[in-house]
PDB file of N, CA and C in Angstrom:
ATOM      1  N   MET A   1    -144.662  27.164  91.485  1.00  0.00           N
ATOM      2  CA  MET A   1    -143.913  27.671  90.566  1.00  0.00           C
ATOM      3  C   MET A   1    -144.738  27.385  89.472  1.00  0.00           C
ATOM      4  N   VAL A   2    -144.940  28.397  88.519  1.00  0.00           N
ATOM      5  CA  VAL A   2    -145.567  28.933  87.406  1.00  0.00           C
ATOM      6  C   VAL A   2    -145.294  28.097  85.916  1.00  0.00           C
ATOM      7  N   ARG A   3    -146.121  27.254  85.878  1.00  0.00           N
ATOM      8  CA  ARG A   3    -145.600  26.847  84.091  1.00  0.00           C
ATOM      9  C   ARG A   3    -146.257  27.404  82.938  1.00  0.00           C
ATOM     10  N   ARG A   4    -144.941  28.059  82.212  1.00  0.00           N
ATOM     11  CA  ARG A   4    -145.574  29.120  81.088  1.00  0.00           C
ATOM     12  C   ARG A   4    -145.545  27.553  79.800  1.00  0.00           C
ATOM     13  N   SER A   5    -146.756  28.274  79.284  1.00  0.00           N
ATOM     14  CA  SER A   5    -147.102  27.441  77.818  1.00  0.00           C
ATOM     15  C   SER A   5    -145.505  27.864  76.647  1.00  0.00           C
ATOM     16  N   THR A   6    -145.588  26.700  76.147  1.00  0.00           N
ATOM     17  CA  THR A   6    -144.651  26.802  75.033  1.00  0.00           C
ATOM     18  C   THR A   6    -145.134  27.593  73.791  1.00  0.00           C
ATOM     19  N   LEU A   7    -144.451  27.650  72.838  1.00  0.00           N
ATOM     20  CA  LEU A   7    -144.807  28.128  71.655  1.00  0.00           C
ATOM     21  C   LEU A   7    -145.420  27.215  71.013  1.00  0.00           C
ATOM     22  N   ALA A   8    -145.314  26.209  70.719  1.00  0.00           N
ATOM     23  CA  ALA A   8    -146.209  24.747  70.037  1.00  0.00           C
ATOM     24  C   ALA A   8    -147.391  25.180  70.701  1.00  0.00           C
ATOM     25  N   GLU A   9    -147.743  24.940  72.058  1.00  0.00           N
ATOM     26  CA  GLU A   9    -148.942  24.773  72.576  1.00  0.00           C
ATOM     27  C   GLU A   9    -149.664  25.987  72.043  1.00  0.00           C
ATOM     28  N   GLU A  10    -149.285  27.369  72.478  1.00  0.00           N
ATOM     29  CA  GLU A  10    -149.811  28.566  71.967  1.00  0.00           C
ATOM     30  C   GLU A  10    -150.233  28.520  70.467  1.00  0.00           C
ATOM     31  N   THR A  11    -149.434  28.009  69.536  1.00  0.00           N
ATOM     32  CA  THR A  11    -149.912  28.147  68.172  1.00  0.00           C
ATOM     33  C   THR A  11    -150.912  27.390  67.894  1.00  0.00           C
ATOM     34  N   VAL A  12    -150.958  26.031  68.572  1.00  0.00           N
ATOM     35  CA  VAL A  12    -152.027  25.299  68.898  1.00  0.00           C
ATOM     36  C   VAL A  12    -153.731  25.803  68.867  1.00  0.00           C
ATOM     37  N   ALA A  13    -153.251  26.459  69.957  1.00  0.00           N
ATOM     38  CA  ALA A  13    -154.577  27.087  70.886  1.00  0.00           C
ATOM     39  C   ALA A  13    -155.117  28.175  69.815  1.00  0.00           C
ATOM     40  N   VAL A  14    -154.162  28.860  69.181  1.00  0.00           N
ATOM     41  CA  VAL A  14    -154.502  30.180  68.277  1.00  0.00           C
ATOM     42  C   VAL A  14    -155.147  29.374  67.113  1.00  0.00           C
ATOM     43  N   THR A  15    -154.757  28.262  66.525  1.00  0.00           N
ATOM     44  CA  THR A  15    -155.219  27.930  65.662  1.00  0.00           C
ATOM     45  C   THR A  15    -156.520  27.198  65.661  1.00  0.00           C
ATOM     46  N   SER A  16    -156.458  26.498  66.818  1.00  0.00           N
ATOM     47  CA  SER A  16    -157.841  26.064  66.999  1.00  0.00           C
ATOM     48  C   SER A  16    -158.975  27.130  67.154  1.00  0.00           C
ATOM     49  N   ALA A  17    -158.587  28.028  67.712  1.00  0.00           N
ATOM     50  CA  ALA A  17    -159.646  29.298  67.784  1.00  0.00           C
ATOM     51  C   ALA A  17    -159.909  29.698  66.293  1.00  0.00           C
ATOM     52  N   VAL A  18    -158.809  29.965  65.310  1.00  0.00           N
ATOM     53  CA  VAL A  18    -159.148  29.992  64.154  1.00  0.00           C
ATOM     54  C   VAL A  18    -159.958  29.566  63.316  1.00  0.00           C
ATOM     55  N   GLU A  19    -159.937  28.226  63.484  1.00  0.00           N
ATOM     56  CA  GLU A  19    -160.285  27.062  62.646  1.00  0.00           C
ATOM     57  C   GLU A  19    -161.930  27.066  62.742  1.00  0.00           C
ATOM     58  N   GLN A  20    -162.448  27.698  64.426  1.00  0.00           N
ATOM     59  CA  GLN A  20    -163.675  27.409  64.736  1.00  0.00           C
ATOM     60  C   GLN A  20    -164.277  28.443  64.038  1.00  0.00           C
ATOM     61  N   ASP A  21    -163.726  29.774  63.893  1.00  0.00           N
ATOM     62  CA  ASP A  21    -164.310  30.848  63.256  1.00  0.00           C
ATOM     63  C   ASP A  21    -163.613  31.284  61.959  1.00  0.00           C
ATOM     64  N   ASP A  22    -164.288  31.025  60.593  1.00  0.00           N
ATOM     65  CA  ASP A  22    -162.982  31.026  59.456  1.00  0.00           C
ATOM     66  C   ASP A  22    -163.046  32.577  59.487  1.00  0.00           C
ATOM     67  N   SER A  23    -164.280  33.677  59.765  1.00  0.00           N
ATOM     68  CA  SER A  23    -164.218  34.630  59.354  1.00  0.00           C
ATOM     69  C   SER A  23    -163.018  35.537  60.490  1.00  0.00           C
ATOM     70  N   LEU A  24    -162.270  34.920  61.312  1.00  0.00           N
ATOM     71  CA  LEU A  24    -161.294  35.223  61.633  1.00  0.00           C
ATOM     72  C   LEU A  24    -159.961  34.985  61.211  1.00  0.00           C
ATOM     73  N   VAL A  25    -159.706  34.391  60.324  1.00  0.00           N
ATOM     74  CA  VAL A  25    -158.544  33.913  59.563  1.00  0.00           C
ATOM     75  C   VAL A  25    -157.777  35.077  58.670  1.00  0.00           C
ATOM     76  N   CYS A  26    -156.343  35.128  59.157  1.00  0.00           N
ATOM     77  CA  CYS A  26    -155.836  36.465  58.427  1.00  0.00           C
ATOM     78  C   CYS A  26    -155.797  35.831  56.867  1.00  0.00           C
ATOM     79  N   PRO A  27    -155.671  36.842  56.359  1.00  0.00           N
ATOM     80  CA  PRO A  27    -155.679  36.895  54.599  1.00  0.00           C
ATOM     81  C   PRO A  27    -154.350  36.254  54.217  1.00  0.00           C
ATOM     82  N   VAL A  28    -153.195  36.316  54.777  1.00  0.00           N
ATOM     83  CA  VAL A  28    -152.066  35.904  54.527  1.00  0.00           C
ATOM     84  C   VAL A  28    -151.913  34.760  54.818  1.00  0.00           C
ATOM     85  N   ALA A  29    -152.704  33.958  56.557  1.00  0.00           N
ATOM     86  CA  ALA A  29    -152.598  32.770  56.712  1.00  0.00           C
ATOM     87  C   ALA A  29    -153.306  31.734  55.754  1.00  0.00           C
ATOM     88  N   LYS A  30    -154.396  32.386  55.533  1.00  0.00           N
ATOM     89  CA  LYS A  30    -155.213  31.612  54.561  1.00  0.00           C
ATOM     90  C   LYS A  30    -154.575  31.339  53.092  1.00  0.00           C
ATOM     91  N   THR A  31    -153.892  32.255  52.598  1.00  0.00           N
ATOM     92  CA  THR A  31    -153.232  32.337  51.445  1.00  0.00           C
ATOM     93  C   THR A  31    -152.466  31.191  51.894  1.00  0.00           C
ATOM     94  N   ALA A  32    -151.409  31.231  52.664  1.00  0.00           N
ATOM     95  CA  ALA A  32    -150.496  30.520  53.021  1.00  0.00           C
ATOM     96  C   ALA A  32    -150.661  29.101  53.169  1.00  0.00           C
ATOM     97  N   SER A  33    -151.836  28.812  53.717  1.00  0.00           N
ATOM     98  CA  SER A  33    -152.497  27.559  53.827  1.00  0.00           C
ATOM     99  C   SER A  33    -152.828  26.701  52.818  1.00  0.00           C
ATOM    100  N   ILE A  34    -152.897  27.466  51.854  1.00  0.00           N
ATOM    101  CA  ILE A  34    -153.125  26.675  50.594  1.00  0.00           C
ATOM    102  C   ILE A  34    -151.956  26.361  49.548  1.00  0.00           C
ATOM    103  N   VAL A  35    -151.139  27.475  49.708  1.00  0.00           N
ATOM    104  CA  VAL A  35    -150.054  27.488  48.796  1.00  0.00           C
ATOM    105  C   VAL A  35    -148.688  27.280  49.407  1.00  0.00           C
ATOM    106  N   SER A  36    -148.761  26.714  50.761  1.00  0.00           N
ATOM    107  CA  SER A  36    -147.391  26.551  51.456  1.00  0.00           C
ATOM    108  C   SER A  36    -147.031  25.011  51.420  1.00  0.00           C
ATOM    109  N   GLY A  37    -147.683  24.254  50.473  1.00  0.00           N
ATOM    110  CA  GLY A  37    -147.496  22.617  50.645  1.00  0.00           C
ATOM    111  C   GLY A  37    -146.099  22.519  49.927  1.00  0.00           C
ATOM    112  N   LYS A  38    -145.594  21.692  50.011  1.00  0.00           N
ATOM    113  CA  LYS A  38    -144.413  21.274  49.197  1.00  0.00           C
ATOM    114  C   LYS A  38    -144.998  21.130  47.731  1.00  0.00           C
ATOM    115  N   TRP A  39    -144.262  21.641  46.849  1.00  0.00           N
ATOM    116  CA  TRP A  39    -144.095  21.680  45.340  1.00  0.00           C
ATOM    117  C   TRP A  39    -145.533  22.356  45.054  1.00  0.00           C
ATOM    118  N   THR A  40    -146.292  22.906  45.619  1.00  0.00           N
ATOM    119  CA  THR A  40    -147.775  23.536  45.302  1.00  0.00           C
ATOM    120  C   THR A  40    -147.207  24.906  44.005  1.00  0.00           C
ATOM    121  N   LEU A  41    -146.387  25.729  44.815  1.00  0.00           N
ATOM    122  CA  LEU A  41    -145.967  26.972  44.154  1.00  0.00           C
ATOM    123  C   LEU A  41    -145.026  26.541  42.561  1.00  0.00           C
ATOM    124  N   LEU A  42    -144.567  25.538  42.848  1.00  0.00           N
ATOM    125  CA  LEU A  42    -143.796  25.119  41.761  1.00  0.00           C
ATOM    126  C   LEU A  42    -144.766  24.672  40.840  1.00  0.00           C
ATOM    127  N   ILE A  43    -146.219  24.003  41.238  1.00  0.00           N
ATOM    128  CA  ILE A  43    -146.892  23.728  40.278  1.00  0.00           C
ATOM    129  C   ILE A  43    -147.723  24.895  39.633  1.00  0.00           C
ATOM    130  N   ILE A  44    -147.744  25.756  40.371  1.00  0.00           N
ATOM    131  CA  ILE A  44    -148.549  26.780  39.878  1.00  0.00           C
ATOM    132  C   ILE A  44    -147.675  27.609  38.932  1.00  0.00           C
ATOM    133  N   ARG A  45    -146.473  27.971  39.148  1.00  0.00           N
ATOM    134  CA  ARG A  45    -145.361  28.515  38.498  1.00  0.00           C
ATOM    135  C   ARG A  45    -145.484  27.716  37.056  1.00  0.00           C
ATOM    136  N   ASP A  46    -145.467  26.571  37.059  1.00  0.00           N
ATOM    137  CA  ASP A  46    -145.442  25.836  35.649  1.00  0.00           C
ATOM    138  C   ASP A  46    -146.781  25.903  34.716  1.00  0.00           C
ATOM    139  N   LEU A  47    -147.657  25.919  35.794  1.00  0.00           N
ATOM    140  CA  LEU A  47    -148.975  26.379  35.011  1.00  0.00           C
ATOM    141  C   LEU A  47    -149.245  27.878  34.340  1.00  0.00           C
ATOM    142  N   THR A  48    -148.585  28.618  35.178  1.00  0.00           N
ATOM    143  CA  THR A  48    -148.676  30.124  34.843  1.00  0.00           C
ATOM    144  C   THR A  48    -148.141  30.473  33.131  1.00  0.00           C
ATOM    145  N   THR A  49    -147.583  29.307  32.716  1.00  0.00           N
ATOM    146  CA  THR A  49    -147.283  29.368  31.092  1.00  0.00           C
ATOM    147  C   THR A  49    -148.229  28.611  30.086  1.00  0.00           C
ATOM    148  N   GLY A  50    -149.278  28.063  30.606  1.00  0.00           N
ATOM    149  CA  GLY A  50    -150.231  27.217  29.632  1.00  0.00           C
ATOM    150  C   GLY A  50    -150.500  26.298  30.586  1.00  0.00           C
ATOM    151  N   THR A  51    -151.483  25.560  29.920  1.00  0.00           N
ATOM    152  CA  THR A  51    -151.994  24.016  30.001  1.00  0.00           C
ATOM    153  C   THR A  51    -150.925  22.925  29.800  1.00  0.00           C
ATOM    154  N   LYS A  52    -150.960  22.315  30.900  1.00  0.00           N
ATOM    155  CA  LYS A  52    -150.028  21.119  30.761  1.00  0.00           C
ATOM    156  C   LYS A  52    -150.649  19.826  31.027  1.00  0.00           C
ATOM    157  N   ARG A  53    -149.819  18.850  30.722  1.00  0.00           N
ATOM    158  CA  ARG A  53    -150.584  17.560  31.062  1.00  0.00           C
ATOM    159  C   ARG A  53    -149.844  17.133  32.244  1.00  0.00           C
ATOM    160  N   PHE A  54    -150.339  15.945  32.532  1.00  0.00           N
ATOM    161  CA  PHE A  54    -149.787  15.562  34.056  1.00  0.00           C
ATOM    162  C   PHE A  54    -148.194  14.935  33.885  1.00  0.00           C
ATOM    163  N   SER A  55    -148.142  14.483  32.339  1.00  0.00           N
ATOM    164  CA  SER A  55    -146.424  14.177  32.479  1.00  0.00           C
ATOM    165  C   SER A  55    -145.542  15.177  31.923  1.00  0.00           C
ATOM    166  N   GLU A  56    -146.245  16.269  31.420  1.00  0.00           N
ATOM    167  CA  GLU A  56    -145.140  17.571  31.731  1.00  0.00           C
ATOM    168  C   GLU A  56    -145.126  18.001  32.696  1.00  0.00           C
ATOM    169  N   LEU A  57    -146.097  18.076  33.633  1.00  0.00           N
ATOM    170  CA  LEU A  57    -145.803  18.740  34.892  1.00  0.00           C
ATOM    171  C   LEU A  57    -144.756  17.667  35.419  1.00  0.00           C
ATOM    172  N   GLU A  58    -144.574  16.642  35.908  1.00  0.00           N
ATOM    173  CA  GLU A  58    -144.031  15.503  36.336  1.00  0.00           C
ATOM    174  C   GLU A  58    -142.633  15.751  35.906  1.00  0.00           C
ATOM    175  N   ARG A  59    -142.393  15.987  34.143  1.00  0.00           N
ATOM    176  CA  ARG A  59    -140.989  15.916  33.802  1.00  0.00           C
ATOM    177  C   ARG A  59    -140.130  17.411  34.594  1.00  0.00           C
ATOM    178  N   SER A  60    -141.210  18.331  34.697  1.00  0.00           N
ATOM    179  CA  SER A  60    -140.659  19.667  34.643  1.00  0.00           C
ATOM    180  C   SER A  60    -140.283  19.790  36.428  1.00  0.00           C
ATOM    181  N   LEU A  61    -140.953  18.975  37.184  1.00  0.00           N
ATOM    182  CA  LEU A  61    -140.942  19.235  38.635  1.00  0.00           C
ATOM    183  C   LEU A  61    -139.991  17.996  39.182  1.00  0.00           C
ATOM    184  N   THR A  62    -138.621  18.095  38.865  1.00  0.00           N
ATOM    185  CA  THR A  62    -137.831  16.747  39.096  1.00  0.00           C
ATOM    186  C   THR A  62    -137.928  16.213  40.489  1.00  0.00           C
ATOM    187  N   GLY A  63    -137.995  15.221  40.447  1.00  0.00           N
ATOM    188  CA  GLY A  63    -137.967  14.493  42.302  1.00  0.00           C
ATOM    189  C   GLY A  63    -139.702  14.731  42.718  1.00  0.00           C
ATOM    190  N   ILE A  64    -140.707  14.857  42.208  1.00  0.00           N
ATOM    191  CA  ILE A  64    -141.736  14.704  42.516  1.00  0.00           C
ATOM    192  C   ILE A  64    -142.225  13.439  42.601  1.00  0.00           C
ATOM    193  N   SER A  65    -143.239  12.813  43.239  1.00  0.00           N
ATOM    194  CA  SER A  65    -143.969  11.618  42.810  1.00  0.00           C
ATOM    195  C   SER A  65    -144.988  11.695  42.150  1.00  0.00           C
ATOM    196  N   PRO A  66    -145.582  10.481  41.462  1.00  0.00           N
ATOM    197  CA  PRO A  66    -146.937  10.949  40.886  1.00  0.00           C
ATOM    198  C   PRO A  66    -147.823  11.021  41.724  1.00  0.00           C
ATOM    199  N   LYS A  67    -147.767  10.418  43.036  1.00  0.00           N
ATOM    200  CA  LYS A  67    -148.665  10.109  43.880  1.00  0.00           C
ATOM    201  C   LYS A  67    -148.391  11.841  44.576  1.00  0.00           C
ATOM    202  N   THR A  68    -147.699  12.365  44.692  1.00  0.00           N
ATOM    203  CA  THR A  68    -147.672  13.654  45.455  1.00  0.00           C
ATOM    204  C   THR A  68    -148.460  14.627  44.531  1.00  0.00           C
ATOM    205  N   LEU A  69    -147.783  14.574  43.365  1.00  0.00           N
ATOM    206  CA  LEU A  69    -148.532  15.394  42.263  1.00  0.00           C
ATOM    207  C   LEU A  69    -149.786  15.422  41.952  1.00  0.00           C
ATOM    208  N   SER A  70    -150.415  14.430  42.035  1.00  0.00           N
ATOM    209  CA  SER A  70    -151.667  13.906  41.784  1.00  0.00           C
ATOM    210  C   SER A  70    -152.336  14.614  42.821  1.00  0.00           C
ATOM    211  N   GLU A  71    -152.038  14.087  43.965  1.00  0.00           N
ATOM    212  CA  GLU A  71    -152.373  14.999  45.711  1.00  0.00           C
ATOM    213  C   GLU A  71    -152.785  16.485  45.509  1.00  0.00           C
ATOM    214  N   ARG A  72    -151.424  16.974  45.082  1.00  0.00           N
ATOM    215  CA  ARG A  72    -151.564  18.773  44.716  1.00  0.00           C
ATOM    216  C   ARG A  72    -152.193  19.103  43.852  1.00  0.00           C
ATOM    217  N   LEU A  73    -152.542  18.465  42.761  1.00  0.00           N
ATOM    218  CA  LEU A  73    -153.344  18.740  41.860  1.00  0.00           C
ATOM    219  C   LEU A  73    -154.666  18.716  42.233  1.00  0.00           C
ATOM    220  N   SER A  74    -155.291  17.833  42.950  1.00  0.00           N
ATOM    221  CA  SER A  74    -156.335  17.690  43.383  1.00  0.00           C
ATOM    222  C   SER A  74    -156.771  18.904  44.399  1.00  0.00           C
ATOM    223  N   VAL A  75    -156.204  18.961  45.128  1.00  0.00           N
ATOM    224  CA  VAL A  75    -156.463  20.315  46.362  1.00  0.00           C
ATOM    225  C   VAL A  75    -156.055  21.464  45.673  1.00  0.00           C
ATOM    226  N   LEU A  76    -155.247  21.632  44.529  1.00  0.00           N
ATOM    227  CA  LEU A  76    -155.455  23.035  43.657  1.00  0.00           C
ATOM    228  C   LEU A  76    -156.920  22.991  43.328  1.00  0.00           C
ATOM    229  N   GLU A  77    -157.380  21.732  42.501  1.00  0.00           N
ATOM    230  CA  GLU A  77    -158.656  21.846  42.007  1.00  0.00           C
ATOM    231  C   GLU A  77    -159.796  22.200  42.920  1.00  0.00           C
ATOM    232  N   SER A  78    -159.716  21.662  43.850  1.00  0.00           N
ATOM    233  CA  SER A  78    -160.638  21.591  45.208  1.00  0.00           C
ATOM    234  C   SER A  78    -160.613  22.914  45.792  1.00  0.00           C
ATOM    235  N   GLU A  79    -159.659  23.815  45.627  1.00  0.00           N
ATOM    236  CA  GLU A  79    -159.600  25.387  45.815  1.00  0.00           C
ATOM    237  C   GLU A  79    -160.131  26.333  44.766  1.00  0.00           C
ATOM    238  N   GLY A  80    -160.196  25.621  43.609  1.00  0.00           N
ATOM    239  CA  GLY A  80    -160.723  26.460  42.478  1.00  0.00           C
ATOM    240  C   GLY A  80    -159.275  27.323  42.164  1.00  0.00           C
ATOM    241  N   ILE A  81    -157.947  26.678  42.208  1.00  0.00           N
ATOM    242  CA  ILE A  81    -156.809  27.404  41.636  1.00  0.00           C
ATOM    243  C   ILE A  81    -156.468  27.011  40.088  1.00  0.00           C
ATOM    244  N   LEU A  82    -156.807  25.735  40.200  1.00  0.00           N
ATOM    245  CA  LEU A  82    -156.889  25.173  38.524  1.00  0.00           C
ATOM    246  C   LEU A  82    -158.139  24.387  37.870  1.00  0.00           C
ATOM    247  N   ARG A  83    -158.107  23.998  36.774  1.00  0.00           N
ATOM    248  CA  ARG A  83    -159.335  23.463  36.376  1.00  0.00           C
ATOM    249  C   ARG A  83    -158.498  22.067  35.629  1.00  0.00           C
ATOM    250  N   ARG A  84    -159.168  21.346  36.003  1.00  0.00           N
ATOM    251  CA  ARG A  84    -158.884  19.814  35.136  1.00  0.00           C
ATOM    252  C   ARG A  84    -159.833  19.632  34.004  1.00  0.00           C
ATOM    253  N   GLN A  85    -159.125  19.332  33.126  1.00  0.00           N
ATOM    254  CA  GLN A  85    -160.173  19.191  31.710  1.00  0.00           C
ATOM    255  C   GLN A  85    -159.858  17.582  31.342  1.00  0.00           C
ATOM    256  N   THR A  86    -160.647  16.706  31.277  1.00  0.00           N
ATOM    257  CA  THR A  86    -160.369  15.343  30.799  1.00  0.00           C
ATOM    258  C   THR A  86    -161.385  15.229  29.665  1.00  0.00           C
ATOM    259  N   TYR A  87    -160.416  14.390  28.543  1.00  0.00           N
ATOM    260  CA  TYR A  87    -161.109  14.214  27.308  1.00  0.00           C
ATOM    261  C   TYR A  87    -161.308  12.973  27.131  1.00  0.00           C
ATOM    262  N   ALA A  88    -162.555  12.335  26.624  1.00  0.00           N
ATOM    263  CA  ALA A  88    -162.997  11.122  26.348  1.00  0.00           C
ATOM    264  C   ALA A  88    -161.880  10.533  24.867  1.00  0.00           C
ATOM    265  N   GLU A  89    -160.883  10.144  25.232  1.00  0.00           N
ATOM    266  CA  GLU A  89    -159.639   9.497  24.293  1.00  0.00           C
ATOM    267  C   GLU A  89    -159.384   8.142  24.817  1.00  0.00           C
ATOM    268  N   VAL A  90    -158.625   7.625  24.061  1.00  0.00           N
ATOM    269  CA  VAL A  90    -157.883   6.295  24.383  1.00  0.00           C
ATOM    270  C   VAL A  90    -156.723   6.595  23.703  1.00  0.00           C
ATOM    271  N   PRO A  91    -155.423   6.675  24.684  1.00  0.00           N
ATOM    272  CA  PRO A  91    -155.582   6.640  26.132  1.00  0.00           C
ATOM    273  C   PRO A  91    -155.958   7.907  26.716  1.00  0.00           C
ATOM    274  N   PRO A  92    -156.636   7.874  28.050  1.00  0.00           N
ATOM    275  CA  PRO A  92    -157.393   9.181  28.421  1.00  0.00           C
ATOM    276  C   PRO A  92    -156.395  10.227  28.292  1.00  0.00           C
ATOM    277  N   LYS A  93    -157.070  11.622  28.014  1.00  0.00           N
ATOM    278  CA  LYS A  93    -156.210  12.896  27.951  1.00  0.00           C
ATOM    279  C   LYS A  93    -156.527  13.680  29.087  1.00  0.00           C
ATOM    280  N   VAL A  94    -155.652  14.114  29.874  1.00  0.00           N
ATOM    281  CA  VAL A  94    -155.852  15.127  30.665  1.00  0.00           C
ATOM    282  C   VAL A  94    -155.246  16.282  31.048  1.00  0.00           C
ATOM    283  N   GLU A  95    -155.913  17.789  31.119  1.00  0.00           N
ATOM    284  CA  GLU A  95    -155.248  18.511  30.944  1.00  0.00           C
ATOM    285  C   GLU A  95    -155.126  19.802  32.146  1.00  0.00           C
ATOM    286  N   TYR A  96    -154.289  20.263  32.716  1.00  0.00           N
ATOM    287  CA  TYR A  96    -154.617  21.314  33.806  1.00  0.00           C
ATOM    288  C   TYR A  96    -154.065  22.396  33.207  1.00  0.00           C
ATOM    289  N   SER A  97    -155.145  23.608  34.047  1.00  0.00           N
ATOM    290  CA  SER A  97    -154.757  24.737  33.626  1.00  0.00           C
ATOM    291  C   SER A  97    -155.316  25.715  34.567  1.00  0.00           C
ATOM    292  N   LEU A  98    -154.905  26.996  35.043  1.00  0.00           N
ATOM    293  CA  LEU A  98    -155.211  27.946  36.077  1.00  0.00           C
ATOM    294  C   LEU A  98    -156.450  28.689  35.501  1.00  0.00           C
ATOM    295  N   THR A  99    -157.227  28.549  36.824  1.00  0.00           N
ATOM    296  CA  THR A  99    -158.281  29.745  36.527  1.00  0.00           C
ATOM    297  C   THR A  99    -158.130  30.843  37.000  1.00  0.00           C
ATOM    298  N   GLU A 100    -158.967  32.004  36.606  1.00  0.00           N
ATOM    299  CA  GLU A 100    -158.682  33.243  37.297  1.00  0.00           C
ATOM    300  C   GLU A 100    -157.918  33.373  38.312  1.00  0.00           C
ATOM    301  N   LYS A 101    -158.733  32.689  39.392  1.00  0.00           N
ATOM    302  CA  LYS A 101    -157.902  32.763  40.801  1.00  0.00           C
ATOM    303  C   LYS A 101    -156.876  32.171  41.018  1.00  0.00           C
ATOM    304  N   GLY A 102    -156.488  31.387  39.991  1.00  0.00           N
ATOM    305  CA  GLY A 102    -154.839  30.532  40.103  1.00  0.00           C
ATOM    306  C   GLY A 102    -154.007  31.674  39.572  1.00  0.00           C
ATOM    307  N   GLN A 103    -154.321  32.430  38.325  1.00  0.00           N
ATOM    308  CA  GLN A 103    -153.590  33.238  37.666  1.00  0.00           C
ATOM    309  C   GLN A 103    -153.180  34.517  38.402  1.00  0.00           C
ATOM    310  N   ALA A 104    -154.232  34.777  39.056  1.00  0.00           N
ATOM    311  CA  ALA A 104    -154.043  36.052  40.482  1.00  0.00           C
ATOM    312  C   ALA A 104    -152.765  35.892  41.260  1.00  0.00           C
ATOM    313  N   LEU A 105    -152.399  34.216  41.384  1.00  0.00           N
ATOM    314  CA  LEU A 105    -150.926  34.000  41.969  1.00  0.00           C
ATOM    315  C   LEU A 105    -149.851  34.429  41.478  1.00  0.00           C
ATOM    316  N   PHE A 106    -149.861  34.421  40.013  1.00  0.00           N
ATOM    317  CA  PHE A 106    -148.546  34.859  39.304  1.00  0.00           C
ATOM    318  C   PHE A 106    -147.865  36.216  39.772  1.00  0.00           C
ATOM    319  N   VAL A 107    -148.471  37.214  40.464  1.00  0.00           N
ATOM    320  CA  VAL A 107    -147.995  38.426  40.942  1.00  0.00           C
ATOM    321  C   VAL A 107    -147.237  37.864  41.935  1.00  0.00           C
ATOM    322  N   LEU A 108    -147.715  36.721  42.981  1.00  0.00           N
ATOM    323  CA  LEU A 108    -146.852  36.464  44.077  1.00  0.00           C
ATOM    324  C   LEU A 108    -145.810  35.844  43.630  1.00  0.00           C
ATOM    325  N   ILE A 109    -145.802  34.759  42.588  1.00  0.00           N
ATOM    326  CA  ILE A 109    -144.886  34.018  42.306  1.00  0.00           C
ATOM    327  C   ILE A 109    -143.595  34.879  41.618  1.00  0.00           C
ATOM    328  N   GLU A 110    -144.055  35.814  40.941  1.00  0.00           N
ATOM    329  CA  GLU A 110    -142.964  36.888  40.542  1.00  0.00           C
ATOM    330  C   GLU A 110    -142.376  37.533  41.248  1.00  0.00           C
ATOM    331  N   ASP A 111    -143.057  38.244  42.694  1.00  0.00           N
ATOM    332  CA  ASP A 111    -142.243  38.605  43.535  1.00  0.00           C
ATOM    333  C   ASP A 111    -141.498  37.527  44.531  1.00  0.00           C
ATOM    334  N   MET A 112    -141.632  36.364  44.600  1.00  0.00           N
ATOM    335  CA  MET A 112    -140.864  35.529  45.064  1.00  0.00           C
ATOM    336  C   MET A 112    -139.396  35.125  44.198  1.00  0.00           C
ATOM    337  N   ARG A 113    -139.774  35.332  43.033  1.00  0.00           N
ATOM    338  CA  ARG A 113    -138.656  35.015  41.848  1.00  0.00           C
ATOM    339  C   ARG A 113    -137.806  36.341  42.197  1.00  0.00           C
ATOM    340  N   ASP A 114    -138.620  37.659  42.180  1.00  0.00           N
ATOM    341  CA  ASP A 114    -137.587  38.744  42.211  1.00  0.00           C
ATOM    342  C   ASP A 114    -136.969  38.843  43.701  1.00  0.00           C
ATOM    343  N   TYR A 115    -137.444  38.418  44.778  1.00  0.00           N
ATOM    344  CA  TYR A 115    -136.732  38.277  45.920  1.00  0.00           C
ATOM    345  C   TYR A 115    -135.690  37.312  45.878  1.00  0.00           C
ATOM    346  N   GLY A 116    -135.811  36.195  45.438  1.00  0.00           N
ATOM    347  CA  GLY A 116    -134.924  35.021  45.205  1.00  0.00           C
ATOM    348  C   GLY A 116    -133.130  35.643  44.470  1.00  0.00           C
ATOM    349  N   ARG A 117    -133.682  36.479  43.353  1.00  0.00           N
ATOM    350  CA  ARG A 117    -132.561  36.959  42.823  1.00  0.00           C
ATOM    351  C   ARG A 117    -132.085  38.240  43.383  1.00  0.00           C
ATOM    352  N   ARG A 118    -132.705  38.977  44.217  1.00  0.00           N
ATOM    353  CA  ARG A 118    -132.293  40.177  45.016  1.00  0.00           C
ATOM    354  C   ARG A 118    -131.393  39.587  45.980  1.00  0.00           C
ATOM    355  N   TRP A 119    -132.185  39.191  46.874  1.00  0.00           N
ATOM    356  CA  TRP A 119    -131.477  38.738  48.034  1.00  0.00           C
ATOM    357  C   TRP A 119    -131.125  37.380  48.420  1.00  0.00           C
ATOM    358  N   LEU A 120    -131.471  36.321  47.402  1.00  0.00           N
ATOM    359  CA  LEU A 120    -130.580  34.760  47.645  1.00  0.00           C
ATOM    360  C   LEU A 120    -129.808  34.546  46.992  1.00  0.00           C
ATOM    361  N   GLY A 121    -129.084  35.421  45.938  1.00  0.00           N
ATOM    362  CA  GLY A 121    -128.399  35.051  44.752  1.00  0.00           C
ATOM    363  C   GLY A 121    -128.570  34.064  43.633  1.00  0.00           C
ATOM    364  N   CYS A 122    -129.874  34.112  43.692  1.00  0.00           N
ATOM    365  CA  CYS A 122    -130.732  32.969  42.583  1.00  0.00           C
ATOM    366  C   CYS A 122    -130.516  33.908  41.150  1.00  0.00           C
ATOM    367  N   ASN A 123    -130.245  32.904  40.064  1.00  0.00           N
ATOM    368  CA  ASN A 123    -130.256  33.682  38.690  1.00  0.00           C
ATOM    369  C   ASN A 123    -131.470  32.844  38.022  1.00  0.00           C
ATOM    370  N   GLY A 124    -132.167  32.013  38.502  1.00  0.00           N
ATOM    371  CA  GLY A 124    -133.302  31.231  37.328  1.00  0.00           C
ATOM    372  C   GLY A 124    -134.605  31.990  37.583  1.00  0.00           C
TER     373      GLY A 124
END
């Protein structure tokens, strides 16, 4: 009897091979790995309208925990998607804005908005 591999096993094997050689990564897969985290695209969406403070982002993203928001902002900063500007004030003032690399994602977000309106019946 021949054992067939499962989709999960095949996915792990392909992912492991790709992780070993970054030059083999599909551009779609690499982009998805950056923006696919829960809340990530919504954070980017909110920053497309301009610089925001942590509390502004927290208010606009109903349901996100401060810990999750902090983690997502940190990842986006490390990927060069956003910049974090800290001001030496009391209390400390921190602002987040998109870099050029982050602003380039605006087209992706607009396409997703158009898709949702056309195919998913969303009006927002």
